[in-house]
Amino acid sequence: MDDSTAAQSTTWPSLPLSAWAETCQALHLWTQVVGKVRCAQCLWVNHSWHVALYVTARGLTTSPIPLGRRTFQLDFDFIAHRLVLQSSDGGVGGFALEPQSVAAFYWQLMHELDQLGLHVDIYRCSNELPEPVYFDRDEAPRPYDREYAHRYWQVLVQADRVLKMFRARFVGKCSPVHYFWGAPDLAVTRFSGRPAPPHPGGIPHLPDWITRDAYSHEVSSAGFWAGGGPVPDAAFYSYAYPEPAGFAEATVRPAAAYYHPELREFVLPYEAVRTAVDPDAMLLAFLQSTYVAAANLGHWDRASLERSAVL
């Protein structure tokens, strides 16, 4: 392995889901607990942008959360492997990320919040999972593999960086690059500016009105997720709502990308990106070409929405 290959394997590490599936599931549920704290305290923002987490130089953060005249934030630190609590009046708390049940994680978090006078009540049931999990009652042991939690965060750092490059090309309405804990996925969404037909809903344990608010206007959305179900390993994705005629047959780049008929989105395996000669270029080609397919077939006013023509 030459120096450049070694550096790339560290920057874009291997992330086979089979090697850390149980840790991935634990993190999914723990981020839901933390995300619901933000959701409970923040005013509703269109498309549920008020619930998301954000990638940081050490992990994931809620960003500042209001509580009365104080603010606080919660951070997953995947270097020190801790959940960190900080408040605007200097309060600090937290606990180790380690093997523990969802209930143990939930009660530790509630205790740390209460210790700083930051009592928060949340809806204690998971969202977007076929089988609901009640955070305060799930005593099943959950593993925590530090190595793979760290790798996952490293991938999020790279995905966040490239998705922000892609976002910068668009001057129309566009979401931040943010981490939705329901799926979970890191996503960025562009809007045409036109209303969309009501979404049919049907996402498990998520009220349809929330889904319809998220897709109230036409979108082209892309992101990264760790895999599972119909896509067995980590992948980048891109879809359009409503999906324009011909989207599934569109020619996109790179050759490793394909349209998944069950998910109704284009998929690019993470492994293809991380092993590419130029991962950034491959990922940007995927993001741009799938967006162009959605925008052209959907008759978006690209001239007014884009910073400059990027082919």
C-alpha atoms as a PDB file:
ATOM      1  CA  MET A   1       0.000   0.000   0.000  1.00  0.00           C
ATOM      2  CA  ASP A   2       1.535   3.324  -1.090  1.00  0.00           C
ATOM      3  CA  ASP A   3       1.239   6.497   0.996  1.00  0.00           C
ATOM      4  CA  SER A   4      -1.688   7.918  -0.983  1.00  0.00           C
ATOM      5  CA  THR A   5      -3.667   4.682  -0.730  1.00  0.00           C
ATOM      6  CA  ALA A   6      -2.956   4.437   2.993  1.00  0.00           C
ATOM      7  CA  ALA A   7      -4.057   8.037   3.538  1.00  0.00           C
ATOM      8  CA  GLN A   8      -7.256   7.465   1.582  1.00  0.00           C
ATOM      9  CA  SER A   9      -8.127   4.311   3.559  1.00  0.00           C
ATOM     10  CA  THR A  10      -7.902   6.415   6.723  1.00  0.00           C
ATOM     11  CA  THR A  11      -9.859   9.332   5.280  1.00  0.00           C
ATOM     12  CA  TRP A  12     -12.490   7.085   3.682  1.00  0.00           C
ATOM     13  CA  PRO A  13     -12.351   3.993   5.929  1.00  0.00           C
ATOM     14  CA  SER A  14     -13.946   0.643   5.204  1.00  0.00           C
ATOM     15  CA  LEU A  15     -17.435   0.412   6.727  1.00  0.00           C
ATOM     16  CA  PRO A  16     -19.045  -3.002   6.054  1.00  0.00           C
ATOM     17  CA  LEU A  17     -22.353  -3.047   7.917  1.00  0.00           C
ATOM     18  CA  SER A  18     -21.924  -6.707   8.846  1.00  0.00           C
ATOM     19  CA  ALA A  19     -18.920  -5.776  11.012  1.00  0.00           C
ATOM     20  CA  TRP A  20     -20.823  -3.305  13.186  1.00  0.00           C
ATOM     21  CA  ALA A  21     -24.565  -3.827  12.616  1.00  0.00           C
ATOM     22  CA  GLU A  22     -25.450  -4.014  16.315  1.00  0.00           C
ATOM     23  CA  THR A  23     -23.397  -0.931  17.183  1.00  0.00           C
ATOM     24  CA  CYS A  24     -25.037   0.867  14.255  1.00  0.00           C
ATOM     25  CA  GLN A  25     -28.468  -0.028  15.641  1.00  0.00           C
ATOM     26  CA  ALA A  26     -27.465   1.165  19.125  1.00  0.00           C
ATOM     27  CA  LEU A  27     -26.222   4.495  17.755  1.00  0.00           C
ATOM     28  CA  HIS A  28     -29.408   4.856  15.738  1.00  0.00           C
ATOM     29  CA  LEU A  29     -31.531   4.575  18.883  1.00  0.00           C
ATOM     30  CA  TRP A  30     -29.224   6.742  21.005  1.00  0.00           C
ATOM     31  CA  THR A  31     -29.290   9.512  18.377  1.00  0.00           C
ATOM     32  CA  GLN A  32     -33.083   9.281  18.366  1.00  0.00           C
ATOM     33  CA  VAL A  33     -33.135   9.890  22.128  1.00  0.00           C
ATOM     34  CA  VAL A  34     -30.841  12.911  21.773  1.00  0.00           C
ATOM     35  CA  GLY A  35     -32.648  14.175  18.686  1.00  0.00           C
ATOM     36  CA  LYS A  36     -35.984  14.052  20.480  1.00  0.00           C
ATOM     37  CA  VAL A  37     -34.564  16.315  23.185  1.00  0.00           C
ATOM     38  CA  ARG A  38     -33.910  18.917  20.501  1.00  0.00           C
ATOM     39  CA  CYS A  39     -37.312  18.272  18.924  1.00  0.00           C
ATOM     40  CA  ALA A  40     -39.106  18.739  22.267  1.00  0.00           C
ATOM     41  CA  GLN A  41     -37.509  22.140  22.929  1.00  0.00           C
ATOM     42  CA  CYS A  42     -37.313  23.773  19.508  1.00  0.00           C
ATOM     43  CA  LEU A  43     -40.014  25.587  17.570  1.00  0.00           C
ATOM     44  CA  TRP A  44     -41.243  23.709  14.530  1.00  0.00           C
ATOM     45  CA  VAL A  45     -39.370  24.551  11.344  1.00  0.00           C
ATOM     46  CA  ASN A  46     -40.604  23.565   7.887  1.00  0.00           C
ATOM     47  CA  HIS A  47     -39.462  20.151   6.646  1.00  0.00           C
ATOM     48  CA  SER A  48     -38.537  19.175  10.247  1.00  0.00           C
ATOM     49  CA  TRP A  49     -35.229  21.020   9.988  1.00  0.00           C
ATOM     50  CA  HIS A  50     -35.466  21.768  13.716  1.00  0.00           C
ATOM     51  CA  VAL A  51     -34.853  18.131  14.722  1.00  0.00           C
ATOM     52  CA  ALA A  52     -31.628  17.360  12.837  1.00  0.00           C
ATOM     53  CA  LEU A  53     -28.108  16.875  14.185  1.00  0.00           C
ATOM     54  CA  TYR A  54     -24.917  18.227  12.573  1.00  0.00           C
ATOM     55  CA  VAL A  55     -21.472  16.806  11.910  1.00  0.00           C
ATOM     56  CA  THR A  56     -18.668  18.316  14.024  1.00  0.00           C
ATOM     57  CA  ALA A  57     -14.891  17.986  14.272  1.00  0.00           C
ATOM     58  CA  ARG A  58     -15.448  15.312  16.946  1.00  0.00           C
ATOM     59  CA  GLY A  59     -18.839  13.762  16.226  1.00  0.00           C
ATOM     60  CA  LEU A  60     -22.437  14.973  16.049  1.00  0.00           C
ATOM     61  CA  THR A  61     -24.157  17.889  17.767  1.00  0.00           C
ATOM     62  CA  THR A  62     -27.673  19.096  18.392  1.00  0.00           C
ATOM     63  CA  SER A  63     -26.430  22.709  18.142  1.00  0.00           C
ATOM     64  CA  PRO A  64     -27.795  25.108  20.821  1.00  0.00           C
ATOM     65  CA  ILE A  65     -31.207  24.151  22.236  1.00  0.00           C
ATOM     66  CA  PRO A  66     -33.327  26.761  24.057  1.00  0.00           C
ATOM     67  CA  LEU A  67     -34.738  26.156  27.522  1.00  0.00           C
ATOM     68  CA  GLY A  68     -36.187  29.306  29.044  1.00  0.00           C
ATOM     69  CA  ARG A  69     -33.481  31.957  28.863  1.00  0.00           C
ATOM     70  CA  ARG A  70     -30.717  29.353  28.826  1.00  0.00           C
ATOM     71  CA  THR A  71     -29.413  27.215  25.999  1.00  0.00           C
ATOM     72  CA  PHE A  72     -27.687  23.868  26.047  1.00  0.00           C
ATOM     73  CA  GLN A  73     -26.336  21.388  23.561  1.00  0.00           C
ATOM     74  CA  LEU A  74     -25.630  17.684  23.393  1.00  0.00           C
ATOM     75  CA  ASP A  75     -22.654  16.267  21.508  1.00  0.00           C
ATOM     76  CA  PHE A  76     -21.658  12.771  20.542  1.00  0.00           C
ATOM     77  CA  ASP A  77     -17.858  12.728  20.775  1.00  0.00           C
ATOM     78  CA  PHE A  78     -16.550   9.817  18.722  1.00  0.00           C
ATOM     79  CA  ILE A  79     -12.925  10.550  19.611  1.00  0.00           C
ATOM     80  CA  ALA A  80     -13.270  10.481  23.409  1.00  0.00           C
ATOM     81  CA  HIS A  81     -16.402   8.303  23.086  1.00  0.00           C
ATOM     82  CA  ARG A  82     -18.613  10.378  25.339  1.00  0.00           C
ATOM     83  CA  LEU A  83     -21.957  12.100  25.233  1.00  0.00           C
ATOM     84  CA  VAL A  84     -21.210  15.673  26.305  1.00  0.00           C
ATOM     85  CA  LEU A  85     -23.725  18.146  27.772  1.00  0.00           C
ATOM     86  CA  GLN A  86     -22.928  21.871  27.966  1.00  0.00           C
ATOM     87  CA  SER A  87     -25.136  24.780  29.010  1.00  0.00           C
ATOM     88  CA  SER A  88     -24.869  28.525  28.387  1.00  0.00           C
ATOM     89  CA  ASP A  89     -24.329  29.237  32.096  1.00  0.00           C
ATOM     90  CA  GLY A  90     -21.201  27.079  32.248  1.00  0.00           C
ATOM     91  CA  GLY A  91     -22.754  23.775  33.244  1.00  0.00           C
ATOM     92  CA  VAL A  92     -21.041  20.639  31.974  1.00  0.00           C
ATOM     93  CA  GLY A  93     -22.119  17.012  32.154  1.00  0.00           C
ATOM     94  CA  GLY A  94     -22.020  13.799  30.223  1.00  0.00           C
ATOM     95  CA  PHE A  95     -21.175  10.127  30.310  1.00  0.00           C
ATOM     96  CA  ALA A  96     -19.210   7.471  28.454  1.00  0.00           C
ATOM     97  CA  LEU A  97     -20.415   5.895  25.229  1.00  0.00           C
ATOM     98  CA  GLU A  98     -20.051   2.215  26.014  1.00  0.00           C
ATOM     99  CA  PRO A  99     -22.022  -1.032  25.809  1.00  0.00           C
ATOM    100  CA  GLN A 100     -25.392  -0.326  27.460  1.00  0.00           C
ATOM    101  CA  SER A 101     -29.102  -0.713  26.899  1.00  0.00           C
ATOM    102  CA  VAL A 102     -31.232   1.999  25.356  1.00  0.00           C
ATOM    103  CA  ALA A 103     -32.954   2.383  28.730  1.00  0.00           C
ATOM    104  CA  ALA A 104     -29.609   2.906  30.490  1.00  0.00           C
ATOM    105  CA  PHE A 105     -28.646   5.541  27.896  1.00  0.00           C
ATOM    106  CA  TYR A 106     -32.014   7.277  28.234  1.00  0.00           C
ATOM    107  CA  TRP A 107     -31.976   7.392  32.042  1.00  0.00           C
ATOM    108  CA  GLN A 108     -28.349   8.562  32.176  1.00  0.00           C
ATOM    109  CA  LEU A 109     -29.165  11.395  29.794  1.00  0.00           C
ATOM    110  CA  MET A 110     -32.238  12.437  31.762  1.00  0.00           C
ATOM    111  CA  HIS A 111     -30.177  12.372  34.981  1.00  0.00           C
ATOM    112  CA  GLU A 112     -27.435  14.551  33.475  1.00  0.00           C
ATOM    113  CA  LEU A 113     -29.994  17.063  32.228  1.00  0.00           C
ATOM    114  CA  ASP A 114     -31.734  17.175  35.604  1.00  0.00           C
ATOM    115  CA  GLN A 115     -28.412  17.669  37.388  1.00  0.00           C
ATOM    116  CA  LEU A 116     -28.001  20.943  35.478  1.00  0.00           C
ATOM    117  CA  GLY A 117     -31.621  22.001  35.984  1.00  0.00           C
ATOM    118  CA  LEU A 118     -32.468  21.221  32.358  1.00  0.00           C
ATOM    119  CA  HIS A 119     -35.472  18.972  32.714  1.00  0.00           C
ATOM    120  CA  VAL A 120     -36.884  17.885  29.344  1.00  0.00           C
ATOM    121  CA  ASP A 121     -39.752  15.495  28.620  1.00  0.00           C
ATOM    122  CA  ILE A 122     -39.591  13.640  25.303  1.00  0.00           C
ATOM    123  CA  TYR A 123     -41.795  11.249  23.362  1.00  0.00           C
ATOM    124  CA  ARG A 124     -40.162   7.999  24.461  1.00  0.00           C
ATOM    125  CA  CYS A 125     -40.904   5.825  21.425  1.00  0.00           C
ATOM    126  CA  SER A 126     -38.716   5.440  18.344  1.00  0.00           C
ATOM    127  CA  ASN A 127     -39.738   6.687  14.907  1.00  0.00           C
ATOM    128  CA  GLU A 128     -39.351   5.203  11.427  1.00  0.00           C
ATOM    129  CA  LEU A 129     -38.672   1.669  12.669  1.00  0.00           C
ATOM    130  CA  PRO A 130     -40.971  -1.263  11.785  1.00  0.00           C
ATOM    131  CA  GLU A 131     -40.938  -2.410  15.420  1.00  0.00           C
ATOM    132  CA  PRO A 132     -41.126   0.480  17.912  1.00  0.00           C
ATOM    133  CA  VAL A 133     -38.618   0.730  20.754  1.00  0.00           C
ATOM    134  CA  TYR A 134     -39.597   2.414  24.020  1.00  0.00           C
ATOM    135  CA  PHE A 135     -36.445   4.115  25.208  1.00  0.00           C
ATOM    136  CA  ASP A 136     -37.138   3.981  28.938  1.00  0.00           C
ATOM    137  CA  ARG A 137     -38.069   0.279  28.859  1.00  0.00           C
ATOM    138  CA  ASP A 138     -35.664  -1.320  26.380  1.00  0.00           C
ATOM    139  CA  GLU A 139     -33.257  -3.202  28.648  1.00  0.00           C
ATOM    140  CA  ALA A 140     -31.705  -5.346  25.905  1.00  0.00           C
ATOM    141  CA  PRO A 141     -27.885  -5.214  25.988  1.00  0.00           C
ATOM    142  CA  ARG A 142     -26.464  -3.070  23.205  1.00  0.00           C
ATOM    143  CA  PRO A 143     -22.815  -3.297  22.110  1.00  0.00           C
ATOM    144  CA  TYR A 144     -20.646  -0.299  21.328  1.00  0.00           C
ATOM    145  CA  ASP A 145     -17.659  -0.885  19.060  1.00  0.00           C
ATOM    146  CA  ARG A 146     -15.413   2.184  19.411  1.00  0.00           C
ATOM    147  CA  GLU A 147     -13.485   1.452  16.232  1.00  0.00           C
ATOM    148  CA  TYR A 148     -16.551   1.317  14.018  1.00  0.00           C
ATOM    149  CA  ALA A 149     -18.306   4.221  15.719  1.00  0.00           C
ATOM    150  CA  HIS A 150     -15.168   6.245  14.973  1.00  0.00           C
ATOM    151  CA  ARG A 151     -15.066   5.016  11.367  1.00  0.00           C
ATOM    152  CA  TYR A 152     -18.718   5.924  10.876  1.00  0.00           C
ATOM    153  CA  TRP A 153     -18.045   9.450  12.089  1.00  0.00           C
ATOM    154  CA  GLN A 154     -14.999   9.688   9.790  1.00  0.00           C
ATOM    155  CA  VAL A 155     -17.213   8.794   6.826  1.00  0.00           C
ATOM    156  CA  LEU A 156     -19.778  11.369   7.940  1.00  0.00           C
ATOM    157  CA  VAL A 157     -17.012  14.013   8.037  1.00  0.00           C
ATOM    158  CA  GLN A 158     -16.078  13.294   4.416  1.00  0.00           C
ATOM    159  CA  ALA A 159     -19.676  13.035   3.229  1.00  0.00           C
ATOM    160  CA  ASP A 160     -20.545  16.284   5.017  1.00  0.00           C
ATOM    161  CA  ARG A 161     -17.592  18.048   3.395  1.00  0.00           C
ATOM    162  CA  VAL A 162     -18.479  16.956  -0.159  1.00  0.00           C
ATOM    163  CA  LEU A 163     -22.222  17.494   0.265  1.00  0.00           C
ATOM    164  CA  LYS A 164     -21.446  21.067   1.355  1.00  0.00           C
ATOM    165  CA  MET A 165     -19.394  21.572  -1.808  1.00  0.00           C
ATOM    166  CA  PHE A 166     -22.408  20.394  -3.804  1.00  0.00           C
ATOM    167  CA  ARG A 167     -24.803  22.589  -1.808  1.00  0.00           C
ATOM    168  CA  ALA A 168     -22.724  25.692  -2.534  1.00  0.00           C
ATOM    169  CA  ARG A 169     -23.552  25.424  -6.243  1.00  0.00           C
ATOM    170  CA  PHE A 170     -27.255  26.115  -5.628  1.00  0.00           C
ATOM    171  CA  VAL A 171     -28.810  29.530  -4.959  1.00  0.00           C
ATOM    172  CA  GLY A 172     -32.412  28.398  -4.686  1.00  0.00           C
ATOM    173  CA  LYS A 173     -33.990  27.165  -1.467  1.00  0.00           C
ATOM    174  CA  CYS A 174     -31.807  24.402  -0.057  1.00  0.00           C
ATOM    175  CA  SER A 175     -31.562  22.636   3.281  1.00  0.00           C
ATOM    176  CA  PRO A 176     -28.430  22.605   5.401  1.00  0.00           C
ATOM    177  CA  VAL A 177     -26.368  19.431   5.261  1.00  0.00           C
ATOM    178  CA  HIS A 178     -27.802  17.728   8.319  1.00  0.00           C
ATOM    179  CA  TYR A 179     -28.203  14.359  10.020  1.00  0.00           C
ATOM    180  CA  PHE A 180     -31.726  13.032  10.330  1.00  0.00           C
ATOM    181  CA  TRP A 181     -31.861  10.474  13.134  1.00  0.00           C
ATOM    182  CA  GLY A 182     -35.056   8.844  11.920  1.00  0.00           C
ATOM    183  CA  ALA A 183     -33.476   6.900   9.054  1.00  0.00           C
ATOM    184  CA  PRO A 184     -30.639   7.734   9.995  1.00  0.00           C
ATOM    185  CA  ASP A 185     -28.957   9.581   7.139  1.00  0.00           C
ATOM    186  CA  LEU A 186     -26.890  12.650   6.327  1.00  0.00           C
ATOM    187  CA  ALA A 187     -28.827  14.625   3.741  1.00  0.00           C
ATOM    188  CA  VAL A 188     -29.052  17.799   1.674  1.00  0.00           C
ATOM    189  CA  THR A 189     -32.201  18.764  -0.209  1.00  0.00           C
ATOM    190  CA  ARG A 190     -32.694  21.202  -3.082  1.00  0.00           C
ATOM    191  CA  PHE A 191     -36.111  22.699  -3.893  1.00  0.00           C
ATOM    192  CA  SER A 192     -37.531  23.774  -7.245  1.00  0.00           C
ATOM    193  CA  GLY A 193     -39.749  26.396  -5.558  1.00  0.00           C
ATOM    194  CA  ARG A 194     -42.986  24.787  -6.749  1.00  0.00           C
ATOM    195  CA  PRO A 195     -45.521  22.999  -4.510  1.00  0.00           C
ATOM    196  CA  ALA A 196     -45.612  19.208  -4.721  1.00  0.00           C
ATOM    197  CA  PRO A 197     -48.624  16.885  -4.657  1.00  0.00           C
ATOM    198  CA  PRO A 198     -49.402  15.558  -1.142  1.00  0.00           C
ATOM    199  CA  HIS A 199     -47.024  12.776  -0.176  1.00  0.00           C
ATOM    200  CA  PRO A 200     -48.765   9.413   0.390  1.00  0.00           C
ATOM    201  CA  GLY A 201     -47.005   8.975   3.740  1.00  0.00           C
ATOM    202  CA  GLY A 202     -46.811   5.463   5.155  1.00  0.00           C
ATOM    203  CA  ILE A 203     -43.398   5.725   6.863  1.00  0.00           C
ATOM    204  CA  PRO A 204     -43.516   3.431   9.925  1.00  0.00           C
ATOM    205  CA  HIS A 205     -44.295   5.208  13.184  1.00  0.00           C
ATOM    206  CA  LEU A 206     -44.140   8.671  11.649  1.00  0.00           C
ATOM    207  CA  PRO A 207     -47.343  10.720  11.343  1.00  0.00           C
ATOM    208  CA  ASP A 208     -48.242  11.309   7.706  1.00  0.00           C
ATOM    209  CA  TRP A 209     -48.608  15.054   8.292  1.00  0.00           C
ATOM    210  CA  ILE A 210     -44.894  15.238   9.144  1.00  0.00           C
ATOM    211  CA  THR A 211     -43.984  13.463   5.911  1.00  0.00           C
ATOM    212  CA  ARG A 212     -46.285  15.746   3.930  1.00  0.00           C
ATOM    213  CA  ASP A 213     -44.690  18.805   5.512  1.00  0.00           C
ATOM    214  CA  ALA A 214     -41.248  17.456   4.595  1.00  0.00           C
ATOM    215  CA  TYR A 215     -42.309  16.998   0.953  1.00  0.00           C
ATOM    216  CA  SER A 216     -44.599  20.008   0.604  1.00  0.00           C
ATOM    217  CA  HIS A 217     -42.537  21.251  -2.354  1.00  0.00           C
ATOM    218  CA  GLU A 218     -40.671  19.577  -5.202  1.00  0.00           C
ATOM    219  CA  VAL A 219     -37.259  18.301  -4.172  1.00  0.00           C
ATOM    220  CA  SER A 220     -34.090  16.682  -5.346  1.00  0.00           C
ATOM    221  CA  SER A 221     -32.483  15.139  -2.279  1.00  0.00           C
ATOM    222  CA  ALA A 222     -29.216  13.290  -1.758  1.00  0.00           C
ATOM    223  CA  GLY A 223     -27.229  11.898   1.118  1.00  0.00           C
ATOM    224  CA  PHE A 224     -25.437   9.059   2.847  1.00  0.00           C
ATOM    225  CA  TRP A 225     -26.610   6.220   5.044  1.00  0.00           C
ATOM    226  CA  ALA A 226     -24.952   3.209   6.656  1.00  0.00           C
ATOM    227  CA  GLY A 227     -27.077   0.646   4.830  1.00  0.00           C
ATOM    228  CA  GLY A 228     -29.543  -2.052   5.758  1.00  0.00           C
ATOM    229  CA  GLY A 229     -32.539  -3.851   4.285  1.00  0.00           C
ATOM    230  CA  PRO A 230     -32.626  -3.581   0.486  1.00  0.00           C
ATOM    231  CA  VAL A 231     -29.167  -1.938   0.394  1.00  0.00           C
ATOM    232  CA  PRO A 232     -26.945  -4.172   2.524  1.00  0.00           C
ATOM    233  CA  ASP A 233     -23.981  -1.816   2.952  1.00  0.00           C
ATOM    234  CA  ALA A 234     -23.210   1.883   3.242  1.00  0.00           C
ATOM    235  CA  ALA A 235     -24.244   3.944   0.240  1.00  0.00           C
ATOM    236  CA  PHE A 236     -24.927   7.379  -1.153  1.00  0.00           C
ATOM    237  CA  TYR A 237     -28.388   8.000  -2.580  1.00  0.00           C
ATOM    238  CA  SER A 238     -30.307  10.532  -4.641  1.00  0.00           C
ATOM    239  CA  TYR A 239     -34.025  10.807  -5.367  1.00  0.00           C
ATOM    240  CA  ALA A 240     -36.675  13.227  -6.562  1.00  0.00           C
ATOM    241  CA  TYR A 241     -40.148  13.936  -5.214  1.00  0.00           C
ATOM    242  CA  PRO A 242     -42.346  13.852  -7.108  1.00  0.00           C
ATOM    243  CA  GLU A 243     -40.332  11.530  -9.334  1.00  0.00           C
ATOM    244  CA  PRO A 244     -40.549  12.868 -12.899  1.00  0.00           C
ATOM    245  CA  ALA A 245     -41.289  10.564 -15.806  1.00  0.00           C
ATOM    246  CA  GLY A 246     -38.114   8.953 -17.131  1.00  0.00           C
ATOM    247  CA  PHE A 247     -36.079   9.484 -13.947  1.00  0.00           C
ATOM    248  CA  ALA A 248     -35.478   5.774 -13.378  1.00  0.00           C
ATOM    249  CA  GLU A 249     -34.066   5.423 -16.897  1.00  0.00           C
ATOM    250  CA  ALA A 250     -31.826   8.500 -16.730  1.00  0.00           C
ATOM    251  CA  THR A 251     -28.126   8.137 -17.436  1.00  0.00           C
ATOM    252  CA  VAL A 252     -26.133   9.125 -14.372  1.00  0.00           C
ATOM    253  CA  ARG A 253     -22.515   8.937 -13.284  1.00  0.00           C
ATOM    254  CA  PRO A 254     -20.422   7.034 -12.271  1.00  0.00           C
ATOM    255  CA  ALA A 255     -20.957   3.590 -13.785  1.00  0.00           C
ATOM    256  CA  ALA A 256     -21.209   2.067 -10.293  1.00  0.00           C
ATOM    257  CA  ALA A 257     -24.454   3.991  -9.622  1.00  0.00           C
ATOM    258  CA  TYR A 258     -27.799   2.327 -10.266  1.00  0.00           C
ATOM    259  CA  TYR A 259     -31.518   2.949  -9.815  1.00  0.00           C
ATOM    260  CA  HIS A 260     -33.110   0.904  -7.023  1.00  0.00           C
ATOM    261  CA  PRO A 261     -36.749   0.199  -7.986  1.00  0.00           C
ATOM    262  CA  GLU A 262     -37.890  -0.633  -4.447  1.00  0.00           C
ATOM    263  CA  LEU A 263     -36.417   2.516  -2.906  1.00  0.00           C
ATOM    264  CA  ARG A 264     -37.139   4.606  -6.026  1.00  0.00           C
ATOM    265  CA  GLU A 265     -33.786   6.305  -5.836  1.00  0.00           C
ATOM    266  CA  PHE A 266     -30.330   6.160  -7.344  1.00  0.00           C
ATOM    267  CA  VAL A 267     -27.737   4.392  -5.203  1.00  0.00           C
ATOM    268  CA  LEU A 268     -23.948   4.639  -5.272  1.00  0.00           C
ATOM    269  CA  PRO A 269     -22.176   2.095  -3.050  1.00  0.00           C
ATOM    270  CA  TYR A 270     -19.868   3.746  -0.529  1.00  0.00           C
ATOM    271  CA  GLU A 271     -17.236   1.106  -1.298  1.00  0.00           C
ATOM    272  CA  ALA A 272     -17.019   2.371  -4.900  1.00  0.00           C
ATOM    273  CA  VAL A 273     -16.420   5.918  -3.657  1.00  0.00           C
ATOM    274  CA  ARG A 274     -13.846   5.100  -1.007  1.00  0.00           C
ATOM    275  CA  THR A 275     -11.782   2.944  -3.395  1.00  0.00           C
ATOM    276  CA  ALA A 276     -11.936   5.437  -6.289  1.00  0.00           C
ATOM    277  CA  VAL A 277      -8.817   7.256  -7.443  1.00  0.00           C
ATOM    278  CA  ASP A 278     -10.613  10.528  -6.652  1.00  0.00           C
ATOM    279  CA  PRO A 279     -13.497   9.916  -4.207  1.00  0.00           C
ATOM    280  CA  ASP A 280     -14.544  13.580  -4.153  1.00  0.00           C
ATOM    281  CA  ALA A 281     -14.852  13.722  -7.943  1.00  0.00           C
ATOM    282  CA  MET A 282     -16.816  10.471  -8.113  1.00  0.00           C
ATOM    283  CA  LEU A 283     -19.260  11.559  -5.428  1.00  0.00           C
ATOM    284  CA  LEU A 284     -19.734  15.016  -6.935  1.00  0.00           C
ATOM    285  CA  ALA A 285     -20.394  13.427 -10.341  1.00  0.00           C
ATOM    286  CA  PHE A 286     -23.102  11.282  -8.770  1.00  0.00           C
ATOM    287  CA  LEU A 287     -24.697  14.206  -6.925  1.00  0.00           C
ATOM    288  CA  GLN A 288     -24.621  16.481  -9.963  1.00  0.00           C
ATOM    289  CA  SER A 289     -25.797  13.982 -12.564  1.00  0.00           C
ATOM    290  CA  THR A 290     -28.722  12.714 -10.473  1.00  0.00           C
ATOM    291  CA  TYR A 291     -29.766  16.289  -9.689  1.00  0.00           C
ATOM    292  CA  VAL A 292     -29.555  17.232 -13.393  1.00  0.00           C
ATOM    293  CA  ALA A 293     -31.759  14.247 -14.247  1.00  0.00           C
ATOM    294  CA  ALA A 294     -34.354  15.311 -11.657  1.00  0.00           C
ATOM    295  CA  ALA A 295     -34.222  19.004 -12.596  1.00  0.00           C
ATOM    296  CA  ASN A 296     -34.281  18.560 -16.362  1.00  0.00           C
ATOM    297  CA  LEU A 297     -37.008  15.921 -16.379  1.00  0.00           C
ATOM    298  CA  GLY A 298     -38.967  17.920 -13.817  1.00  0.00           C
ATOM    299  CA  HIS A 299     -38.590  21.156 -15.827  1.00  0.00           C
ATOM    300  CA  TRP A 300     -36.946  23.145 -13.025  1.00  0.00           C
ATOM    301  CA  ASP A 301     -35.864  26.705 -13.793  1.00  0.00           C
ATOM    302  CA  ARG A 302     -32.203  25.804 -13.493  1.00  0.00           C
ATOM    303  CA  ALA A 303     -30.937  29.167 -14.754  1.00  0.00           C
ATOM    304  CA  SER A 304     -32.423  30.956 -11.735  1.00  0.00           C
ATOM    305  CA  LEU A 305     -31.610  28.245  -9.196  1.00  0.00           C
ATOM    306  CA  GLU A 306     -27.942  27.483  -9.857  1.00  0.00           C
ATOM    307  CA  ARG A 307     -24.875  29.589  -9.156  1.00  0.00           C
ATOM    308  CA  SER A 308     -23.411  28.614 -12.525  1.00  0.00           C
ATOM    309  CA  ALA A 309     -23.801  25.863 -15.043  1.00  0.00           C
ATOM    310  CA  VAL A 310     -22.017  22.746 -13.753  1.00  0.00           C
ATOM    311  CA  LEU A 311     -22.109  19.766 -16.088  1.00  0.00           C
END
